[in-house]
Amino acid sequence: MWESIQSMCLHVVFILFTILIYQVFFKEREEERKKIRSKFFLFMLIILVFTMSQPVLYSETYKYDFKAVVIILSFLYGGKRVGFAAFLALLIIGFLTNQKLLILLGNYSVYCLLLLLVTRMFHRYQIRGKVLVISLFYMMIPITRGIFLELKGDDRQTYFELGSSLIVLATLIAIVYLIENMEEQLKMKQELMQAEKMNVVSQLAASVAHEIRNPMTSVRGFMQLLQKEELTKEQQLYINISIEELDRAQEIINQYLALSKPQTDQYEIIDLTSLIQQSIDVMQSYAILNSIQITQEVEPSLEIEGLKLEVQQVFINIIKNAIEAIKSDGEIGISGSKTADGFVSIQIKDNGVGMTKDQLKKLGSPYYSTKEKGTGLGLTVCHQIVKQMGGQILINSELMKGTCFTINLPAYKKKSEEYTP
């Protein structure tokens, strides 16, 4: 028995070492990892080949390996394609290593279908919740196998099953911690880079914006005085264009100042349902001019805690972007509801031109815009406002089909709700 345990420990070392090599030297984005050609799938395949070709032999009847770990990781971190590709590889390797193919097919078919449901639940939680979910799921295997062995009266085998299952579970938990911690570090690195960019933009805004605003105000004033003079139509046209461009420059400066301005105001309780309606009313005339209909389906009495003007700025900015993405003859749908995890989720969906995946990756970065005359600061300000309130903006888009902005903000919790056990 102890020799078998030692063999399992060698498997653990191999698996952890392989995962560590992948995490250190082959960093992949989440969308890349979900492809069958990804390096993640290659490493899962290496572990699968090793563990199934070198199983731990307890007796002639019973063999143990870590293939369950590979299937679980493939579904959790690789997605459906990588998960089912790993399942197919398991069957092929099982056939080549003379394992009972029908048993493998039956057991792991059910296992894969259950993993489809578990994966959705898994990604909703933080690291501790993820460990709990996957531990409860994995324990189904040793419990069902232990019941089977007890019915056969094989007590010695039951004890080994318990010990080996604990080793496999500990390996699975260690891998989850390893992957999650590495992903957290990558996320923190990206946030740090974004924060540095924002810091540069903020410093630039603070040092330049006020100096530019004063002479621009003077120039605009003189332009308005000239409009009162007797001028030709051509001269009037030039002055009107100049004033419009000055106003556009003023708007850009205001966006710079919004980036640099520290949020020192105290939060207030905001009736989000009414605020969304107010934002729609503000943008309704602009939508009508472009033959665009705005529909809404927002739950009543949605409340958050934050800065009212800033939140309204977010809604107006995103609705304005949606109108400009449609250009004419389209529809914008706005919906809002409270989620089970204590957030208020607002969706603003349009049927405009949409965006490519490359555009989506850059969207929200300072100075990046999909519009010809855009500054790339509007969405940057929106992201900053929502992030400071503890929320997030998610964007889904498909080229020539439209874009959906999802704004998640923490719902206001009344005192009675906060202390409810």
Protein backbone atom coordinates (compact mmCIF):
# COMPACT_ATOMS: atom_id res chain seq x y z
CA MET A 1 0.00 0.00 0.00
CA TRP A 2 2.78 2.46 0.95
CA GLU A 3 4.59 1.76 -2.32
CA SER A 4 1.42 2.68 -4.20
CA ILE A 5 1.09 5.90 -2.18
CA GLN A 6 4.72 6.77 -3.02
CA SER A 7 4.02 6.17 -6.72
CA MET A 8 1.04 8.50 -6.51
CA CYS A 9 3.22 11.18 -4.90
CA LEU A 10 5.60 10.94 -7.87
CA HIS A 11 2.64 11.54 -10.16
CA VAL A 12 1.72 14.58 -8.07
CA VAL A 13 5.24 16.01 -8.46
CA PHE A 14 5.15 15.47 -12.22
CA ILE A 15 1.73 17.11 -12.61
CA LEU A 16 2.56 20.13 -10.44
CA PHE A 17 5.89 20.60 -12.19
CA THR A 18 4.21 20.46 -15.61
CA ILE A 19 1.56 23.02 -14.58
CA LEU A 20 4.25 25.27 -13.10
CA ILE A 21 6.23 25.21 -16.37
CA TYR A 22 3.09 26.15 -18.30
CA GLN A 23 2.23 29.01 -15.93
CA VAL A 24 5.76 30.47 -15.87
CA PHE A 25 6.83 30.13 -19.50
CA PHE A 26 3.61 29.93 -21.53
CA LYS A 27 1.25 32.69 -20.39
CA GLU A 28 -1.94 32.65 -22.44
CA ARG A 29 -5.01 34.85 -22.41
CA GLU A 30 -8.30 33.23 -21.46
CA GLU A 31 -9.65 33.23 -25.02
CA GLU A 32 -6.42 31.64 -26.34
CA ARG A 33 -6.54 28.91 -23.71
CA LYS A 34 -9.99 27.83 -24.90
CA LYS A 35 -8.70 26.75 -28.31
CA ILE A 36 -7.78 23.14 -29.03
CA ARG A 37 -4.49 24.33 -30.54
CA SER A 38 -3.59 26.13 -27.30
CA LYS A 39 -0.49 25.32 -25.27
CA PHE A 40 -2.79 24.64 -22.29
CA PHE A 41 -4.39 21.70 -24.12
CA LEU A 42 -0.93 20.43 -25.12
CA PHE A 43 0.17 20.37 -21.48
CA MET A 44 -3.08 18.65 -20.43
CA LEU A 45 -2.39 16.04 -23.10
CA ILE A 46 1.15 15.47 -21.77
CA ILE A 47 -0.19 14.90 -18.24
CA LEU A 48 -2.94 12.61 -19.55
CA VAL A 49 -0.50 10.45 -21.54
CA PHE A 50 1.87 10.16 -18.57
CA THR A 51 -0.74 9.35 -15.93
CA MET A 52 -2.65 6.81 -18.06
CA SER A 53 0.45 5.08 -19.41
CA GLN A 54 2.03 4.85 -15.93
CA PRO A 55 -0.90 4.08 -13.59
CA VAL A 56 -0.43 3.27 -9.90
CA LEU A 57 -0.93 -0.49 -9.55
CA TYR A 58 -2.54 -1.47 -6.27
CA SER A 59 -3.40 -4.96 -7.46
CA GLU A 60 -4.01 -6.73 -10.74
CA THR A 61 -7.63 -5.61 -10.57
CA TYR A 62 -7.29 -2.02 -9.39
CA LYS A 63 -5.30 0.71 -11.16
CA TYR A 64 -5.28 4.40 -10.23
CA ASP A 65 -4.26 7.50 -12.14
CA PHE A 66 -4.94 11.26 -12.31
CA LYS A 67 -6.98 11.43 -15.51
CA ALA A 68 -9.92 12.93 -13.58
CA VAL A 69 -7.72 15.92 -12.68
CA VAL A 70 -6.93 16.53 -16.37
CA ILE A 71 -10.59 16.38 -17.41
CA ILE A 72 -11.62 18.75 -14.59
CA LEU A 73 -8.90 21.30 -15.40
CA SER A 74 -9.62 21.10 -19.13
CA PHE A 75 -13.28 22.03 -18.62
CA LEU A 76 -12.68 24.62 -15.88
CA TYR A 77 -9.85 26.56 -17.53
CA GLY A 78 -9.99 25.46 -21.16
CA GLY A 79 -13.72 25.50 -21.82
CA LYS A 80 -16.01 23.11 -23.69
CA ARG A 81 -13.79 22.51 -26.71
CA VAL A 82 -10.65 21.73 -24.74
CA GLY A 83 -12.70 19.67 -22.25
CA PHE A 84 -14.28 17.41 -24.87
CA ALA A 85 -10.97 17.22 -26.78
CA ALA A 86 -9.34 15.95 -23.56
CA PHE A 87 -12.20 13.44 -23.17
CA LEU A 88 -11.62 12.17 -26.72
CA ALA A 89 -7.88 11.91 -26.03
CA LEU A 90 -8.68 9.96 -22.84
CA LEU A 91 -10.67 7.39 -24.82
CA ILE A 92 -7.91 7.02 -27.45
CA ILE A 93 -5.18 6.60 -24.81
CA GLY A 94 -7.45 4.20 -22.88
CA PHE A 95 -7.84 2.09 -26.02
CA LEU A 96 -4.07 2.08 -26.68
CA THR A 97 -3.26 1.14 -23.06
CA ASN A 98 -5.81 -1.70 -22.98
CA GLN A 99 -8.15 -0.12 -20.45
CA LYS A 100 -11.85 -0.95 -20.24
CA LEU A 101 -13.17 1.39 -22.91
CA LEU A 102 -16.89 1.01 -22.18
CA ILE A 103 -16.40 1.84 -18.50
CA LEU A 104 -14.30 4.89 -19.40
CA LEU A 105 -16.89 6.02 -21.94
CA GLY A 106 -19.82 5.60 -19.53
CA ASN A 107 -18.21 7.14 -16.45
CA TYR A 108 -16.55 10.10 -18.11
CA SER A 109 -19.48 10.91 -20.41
CA VAL A 110 -21.58 11.58 -17.30
CA TYR A 111 -18.61 13.34 -15.73
CA CYS A 112 -18.18 15.72 -18.68
CA LEU A 113 -21.88 16.60 -18.78
CA LEU A 114 -21.82 17.42 -15.06
CA LEU A 115 -18.69 19.53 -15.56
CA LEU A 116 -20.56 21.73 -18.04
CA LEU A 117 -22.87 22.75 -15.19
CA VAL A 118 -20.13 22.96 -12.56
CA THR A 119 -17.96 25.23 -14.76
CA ARG A 120 -20.63 27.96 -14.79
CA MET A 121 -20.88 27.83 -11.00
CA PHE A 122 -17.09 27.64 -10.58
CA HIS A 123 -16.35 30.96 -12.31
CA ARG A 124 -18.86 32.90 -10.19
CA TYR A 125 -16.79 32.59 -7.03
CA GLN A 126 -13.48 33.83 -5.69
CA ILE A 127 -10.63 31.38 -5.10
CA ARG A 128 -11.98 29.91 -1.82
CA GLY A 129 -15.42 29.37 -3.30
CA LYS A 130 -13.86 27.75 -6.36
CA VAL A 131 -11.90 25.33 -4.19
CA LEU A 132 -15.06 24.42 -2.27
CA VAL A 133 -17.09 23.84 -5.46
CA ILE A 134 -14.46 21.65 -7.09
CA SER A 135 -13.82 19.70 -3.86
CA LEU A 136 -17.51 18.85 -3.47
CA PHE A 137 -17.70 17.86 -7.12
CA TYR A 138 -14.60 15.66 -7.08
CA MET A 139 -15.66 13.84 -3.89
CA MET A 140 -18.50 12.26 -5.90
CA ILE A 141 -15.94 9.89 -7.43
CA PRO A 142 -14.41 8.38 -4.24
CA ILE A 143 -17.80 8.29 -2.49
CA THR A 144 -19.48 6.29 -5.26
CA ARG A 145 -16.42 4.08 -5.67
CA GLY A 146 -16.17 3.58 -1.89
CA ILE A 147 -19.82 2.51 -1.71
CA PHE A 148 -19.16 0.01 -4.50
CA LEU A 149 -16.11 -1.42 -2.66
CA GLU A 150 -18.01 -1.64 0.64
CA LEU A 151 -20.77 -3.61 -1.05
CA LYS A 152 -18.09 -5.99 -2.31
CA GLY A 153 -16.67 -6.23 1.22
CA ASP A 154 -13.17 -5.09 0.17
CA ASP A 155 -12.25 -3.01 3.25
CA ARG A 156 -8.54 -2.86 2.49
CA GLN A 157 -9.21 -1.47 -0.96
CA THR A 158 -11.65 1.07 0.55
CA TYR A 159 -8.90 2.48 2.82
CA PHE A 160 -6.55 2.84 -0.12
CA GLU A 161 -9.32 4.49 -2.13
CA LEU A 162 -9.77 7.04 0.66
CA GLY A 163 -6.03 7.77 0.89
CA SER A 164 -5.50 8.04 -2.85
CA SER A 165 -8.58 10.26 -3.25
CA LEU A 166 -7.24 12.67 -0.63
CA ILE A 167 -3.95 12.88 -2.54
CA VAL A 168 -5.74 13.54 -5.84
CA LEU A 169 -7.98 16.16 -4.19
CA ALA A 170 -4.97 17.89 -2.60
CA THR A 171 -3.28 17.94 -6.03
CA LEU A 172 -6.37 19.42 -7.65
CA ILE A 173 -6.65 22.14 -4.98
CA ALA A 174 -2.94 22.96 -5.28
CA ILE A 175 -3.29 23.35 -9.08
CA VAL A 176 -6.37 25.57 -8.72
CA TYR A 177 -4.50 27.80 -6.24
CA LEU A 178 -1.47 27.89 -8.55
CA ILE A 179 -3.45 28.86 -11.67
CA GLU A 180 -5.68 31.37 -9.83
CA ASN A 181 -2.73 33.08 -8.14
CA MET A 182 -0.82 33.38 -11.41
CA GLU A 183 -3.90 34.80 -13.13
CA GLU A 184 -4.37 37.26 -10.27
CA GLN A 185 -0.77 38.40 -10.68
CA LEU A 186 -1.28 38.90 -14.44
CA LYS A 187 -4.47 40.84 -13.74
CA MET A 188 -2.69 43.03 -11.18
CA LYS A 189 0.11 43.66 -13.67
CA GLN A 190 -2.37 44.77 -16.34
CA GLU A 191 -4.18 47.00 -13.83
CA LEU A 192 -0.87 48.53 -12.78
CA MET A 193 0.00 49.31 -16.41
CA GLN A 194 -3.45 50.83 -16.90
CA ALA A 195 -3.05 52.86 -13.69
CA GLU A 196 0.29 54.20 -14.94
CA LYS A 197 -1.34 55.29 -18.20
CA MET A 198 -4.15 56.96 -16.28
CA ASN A 199 -1.63 58.69 -14.03
CA VAL A 200 0.17 60.16 -17.06
CA VAL A 201 -3.15 61.33 -18.55
CA SER A 202 -4.23 62.83 -15.20
CA GLN A 203 -0.97 64.73 -14.75
CA LEU A 204 -1.21 66.04 -18.31
CA ALA A 205 -4.81 67.10 -17.72
CA ALA A 206 -4.06 68.89 -14.46
CA SER A 207 -1.10 70.82 -15.88
CA VAL A 208 -2.46 71.76 -19.30
CA ALA A 209 -6.27 71.86 -19.29
CA HIS A 210 -6.74 74.98 -17.15
CA GLU A 211 -4.11 76.91 -19.10
CA ILE A 212 -5.83 76.14 -22.41
CA ARG A 213 -9.36 76.82 -21.20
CA ASN A 214 -8.79 80.53 -20.41
CA PRO A 215 -7.56 81.68 -23.86
CA MET A 216 -10.22 79.52 -25.52
CA THR A 217 -12.96 81.29 -23.56
CA SER A 218 -11.59 84.65 -24.71
CA VAL A 219 -11.43 83.53 -28.35
CA ARG A 220 -15.00 82.20 -28.22
CA GLY A 221 -16.20 85.50 -26.75
CA PHE A 222 -14.63 87.53 -29.55
CA MET A 223 -16.11 85.15 -32.13
CA GLN A 224 -19.59 85.75 -30.68
CA LEU A 225 -19.02 89.51 -30.82
CA LEU A 226 -18.05 89.23 -34.48
CA GLN A 227 -21.34 87.40 -35.20
CA LYS A 228 -23.20 90.65 -34.34
CA GLU A 229 -21.38 92.54 -37.09
CA GLU A 230 -22.59 92.73 -40.66
CA LEU A 231 -20.78 89.85 -42.33
CA THR A 232 -21.17 87.88 -45.51
CA LYS A 233 -22.76 84.41 -45.37
CA GLU A 234 -19.35 82.87 -45.98
CA GLN A 235 -17.82 84.77 -43.04
CA GLN A 236 -20.73 83.79 -40.79
CA LEU A 237 -20.22 80.16 -41.80
CA TYR A 238 -16.52 80.32 -40.90
CA ILE A 239 -17.31 81.85 -37.48
CA ASN A 240 -19.98 79.22 -36.75
CA ILE A 241 -17.55 76.44 -37.63
CA SER A 242 -14.89 78.04 -35.44
CA ILE A 243 -17.27 78.25 -32.47
CA GLU A 244 -18.34 74.61 -32.96
CA GLU A 245 -14.72 73.48 -32.98
CA LEU A 246 -13.98 75.56 -29.87
CA ASP A 247 -16.93 73.90 -28.12
CA ARG A 248 -15.63 70.47 -29.15
CA ALA A 249 -12.21 71.36 -27.78
CA GLN A 250 -13.90 72.53 -24.56
CA GLU A 251 -15.64 69.16 -24.25
CA ILE A 252 -12.30 67.37 -24.67
CA ILE A 253 -10.78 69.53 -21.93
CA ASN A 254 -13.71 68.71 -19.63
CA GLN A 255 -13.02 65.00 -20.20
CA TYR A 256 -9.37 65.52 -19.29
CA LEU A 257 -10.39 67.34 -16.13
CA ALA A 258 -12.81 64.54 -15.24
CA LEU A 259 -9.86 62.12 -15.35
CA SER A 260 -7.69 64.23 -13.08
CA LYS A 261 -10.39 65.33 -10.61
CA PRO A 262 -10.27 63.32 -7.35
CA GLN A 263 -13.64 62.00 -6.19
CA THR A 264 -13.95 63.77 -2.84
CA ASP A 265 -17.75 64.14 -2.83
CA GLN A 266 -19.74 62.02 -0.42
CA TYR A 267 -21.81 59.20 -1.84
CA GLU A 268 -25.58 59.46 -1.80
CA ILE A 269 -28.40 56.98 -2.28
CA ILE A 270 -29.43 57.13 -5.95
CA ASP A 271 -32.77 56.05 -7.40
CA LEU A 272 -31.23 54.38 -10.45
CA THR A 273 -34.59 53.72 -12.12
CA SER A 274 -35.37 57.46 -12.19
CA LEU A 275 -31.81 58.35 -13.19
CA ILE A 276 -31.95 56.04 -16.21
CA GLN A 277 -35.22 57.66 -17.27
CA GLN A 278 -33.68 61.13 -16.90
CA SER A 279 -30.69 60.07 -19.03
CA ILE A 280 -33.03 58.73 -21.73
CA ASP A 281 -35.00 62.00 -21.69
CA VAL A 282 -31.76 63.96 -22.19
CA MET A 283 -30.74 61.86 -25.20
CA GLN A 284 -34.25 61.40 -26.66
CA SER A 285 -34.08 64.43 -29.00
CA TYR A 286 -30.68 63.33 -30.35
CA ALA A 287 -32.09 59.85 -30.97
CA ILE A 288 -35.20 61.20 -32.74
CA LEU A 289 -33.02 63.35 -35.04
CA ASN A 290 -31.28 60.12 -36.12
CA SER A 291 -34.57 58.13 -36.43
CA ILE A 292 -33.57 55.88 -33.52
CA GLN A 293 -36.02 54.44 -31.01
CA ILE A 294 -35.02 53.99 -27.36
CA THR A 295 -36.92 51.30 -25.42
CA GLN A 296 -36.50 50.43 -21.78
CA GLU A 297 -37.38 47.62 -19.40
CA VAL A 298 -36.00 48.62 -16.00
CA GLU A 299 -37.13 47.19 -12.67
CA PRO A 300 -38.69 49.75 -10.29
CA SER A 301 -36.93 50.96 -7.13
CA LEU A 302 -33.37 50.08 -8.13
CA GLU A 303 -31.03 51.83 -5.70
CA ILE A 304 -27.26 52.26 -5.55
CA GLU A 305 -24.89 54.39 -3.50
CA GLY A 306 -22.63 56.75 -5.42
CA LEU A 307 -22.26 60.12 -7.15
CA LYS A 308 -25.41 60.98 -9.09
CA LEU A 309 -23.91 63.30 -11.72
CA GLU A 310 -21.05 60.91 -12.48
CA VAL A 311 -23.39 57.92 -12.88
CA GLN A 312 -25.64 59.96 -15.19
CA GLN A 313 -22.55 60.92 -17.20
CA VAL A 314 -21.81 57.21 -17.72
CA PHE A 315 -25.34 56.49 -19.00
CA ILE A 316 -25.45 59.53 -21.28
CA ASN A 317 -22.01 58.78 -22.73
CA ILE A 318 -22.83 55.15 -23.52
CA ILE A 319 -26.28 55.98 -24.96
CA LYS A 320 -24.67 58.69 -27.12
CA ASN A 321 -22.09 56.17 -28.36
CA ALA A 322 -24.90 53.72 -29.17
CA ILE A 323 -26.76 56.37 -31.21
CA GLU A 324 -23.60 57.23 -33.14
CA ALA A 325 -22.89 53.53 -33.76
CA ILE A 326 -26.35 53.07 -35.33
CA LYS A 327 -26.25 56.40 -37.24
CA SER A 328 -29.90 56.12 -38.39
CA ASP A 329 -33.01 53.90 -38.32
CA GLY A 330 -32.19 51.64 -35.41
CA GLU A 331 -33.14 50.69 -31.89
CA ILE A 332 -31.50 50.94 -28.48
CA GLY A 333 -32.78 48.68 -25.72
CA ILE A 334 -32.08 49.53 -22.07
CA SER A 335 -32.82 47.00 -19.32
CA GLY A 336 -32.02 46.93 -15.62
CA SER A 337 -32.44 44.45 -12.80
CA LYS A 338 -31.00 43.41 -9.46
CA THR A 339 -28.81 40.29 -9.53
CA ALA A 340 -28.58 37.52 -6.96
CA ASP A 341 -25.02 38.50 -5.98
CA GLY A 342 -26.01 41.98 -4.75
CA PHE A 343 -25.40 44.05 -7.87
CA VAL A 344 -27.59 46.15 -10.11
CA SER A 345 -27.03 45.22 -13.75
CA ILE A 346 -27.87 47.73 -16.49
CA GLN A 347 -27.68 46.66 -20.14
CA ILE A 348 -27.57 49.15 -23.03
CA LYS A 349 -27.86 47.27 -26.31
CA ASP A 350 -27.83 48.66 -29.85
CA ASN A 351 -28.10 47.15 -33.34
CA GLY A 352 -25.32 49.28 -34.80
CA VAL A 353 -22.16 48.48 -36.71
CA GLY A 354 -20.59 46.51 -33.84
CA MET A 355 -16.88 45.99 -33.26
CA THR A 356 -14.18 43.42 -33.96
CA LYS A 357 -12.39 41.48 -31.20
CA ASP A 358 -9.28 43.63 -31.63
CA GLN A 359 -11.34 46.80 -31.20
CA LEU A 360 -12.99 45.38 -28.08
CA LYS A 361 -9.61 44.67 -26.47
CA LYS A 362 -8.50 48.30 -26.90
CA LEU A 363 -11.85 49.90 -26.05
CA GLY A 364 -11.69 51.98 -22.88
CA SER A 365 -7.97 52.67 -23.17
CA PRO A 366 -6.94 56.36 -23.16
CA TYR A 367 -6.85 57.93 -26.65
CA TYR A 368 -8.38 54.90 -28.40
CA SER A 369 -11.65 55.53 -30.25
CA THR A 370 -13.57 53.86 -33.06
CA LYS A 371 -15.00 57.25 -34.12
CA GLU A 372 -13.26 59.56 -36.59
CA LYS A 373 -13.40 62.58 -34.27
CA GLY A 374 -13.38 60.65 -31.00
CA THR A 375 -10.76 61.29 -28.32
CA GLY A 376 -10.95 57.90 -26.62
CA LEU A 377 -11.47 59.63 -23.27
CA GLY A 378 -15.25 59.25 -22.88
CA LEU A 379 -15.25 55.51 -22.16
CA THR A 380 -12.05 55.84 -20.15
CA VAL A 381 -13.88 58.26 -17.83
CA CYS A 382 -16.87 55.86 -17.66
CA HIS A 383 -14.66 52.93 -16.69
CA GLN A 384 -12.96 55.04 -14.03
CA ILE A 385 -16.26 56.24 -12.50
CA VAL A 386 -17.75 52.73 -12.36
CA LYS A 387 -14.55 51.19 -11.01
CA GLN A 388 -14.33 53.77 -8.19
CA MET A 389 -17.85 52.75 -7.16
CA GLY A 390 -16.84 49.09 -6.97
CA GLY A 391 -18.49 48.08 -10.23
CA GLN A 392 -17.43 47.06 -13.71
CA ILE A 393 -18.36 47.59 -17.36
CA LEU A 394 -18.57 44.51 -19.61
CA ILE A 395 -18.78 44.87 -23.39
CA ASN A 396 -19.99 42.29 -25.90
CA SER A 397 -20.07 43.12 -29.59
CA GLU A 398 -20.40 41.45 -32.96
CA LEU A 399 -19.48 43.13 -36.21
CA MET A 400 -22.53 44.41 -38.16
CA LYS A 401 -24.89 43.05 -35.46
CA GLY A 402 -24.51 45.46 -32.58
CA THR A 403 -22.99 46.06 -29.16
CA CYS A 404 -24.15 45.46 -25.60
CA PHE A 405 -22.74 47.40 -22.64
CA THR A 406 -23.40 45.81 -19.25
CA ILE A 407 -22.84 48.12 -16.27
CA ASN A 408 -22.71 46.30 -12.93
CA LEU A 409 -22.90 48.49 -9.81
CA PRO A 410 -23.18 47.41 -6.14
CA ALA A 411 -26.80 47.62 -5.02
CA TYR A 412 -27.60 49.78 -2.00
CA LYS A 413 -27.94 47.62 1.11
CA LYS A 414 -30.28 48.82 3.80
CA LYS A 415 -29.23 48.31 7.42
CA SER A 416 -31.82 45.60 7.90
CA GLU A 417 -30.31 43.69 4.95
CA GLU A 418 -26.71 44.11 6.15
CA TYR A 419 -27.34 42.38 9.48
CA THR A 420 -29.64 39.65 8.22
CA PRO A 421 -28.05 36.27 9.20
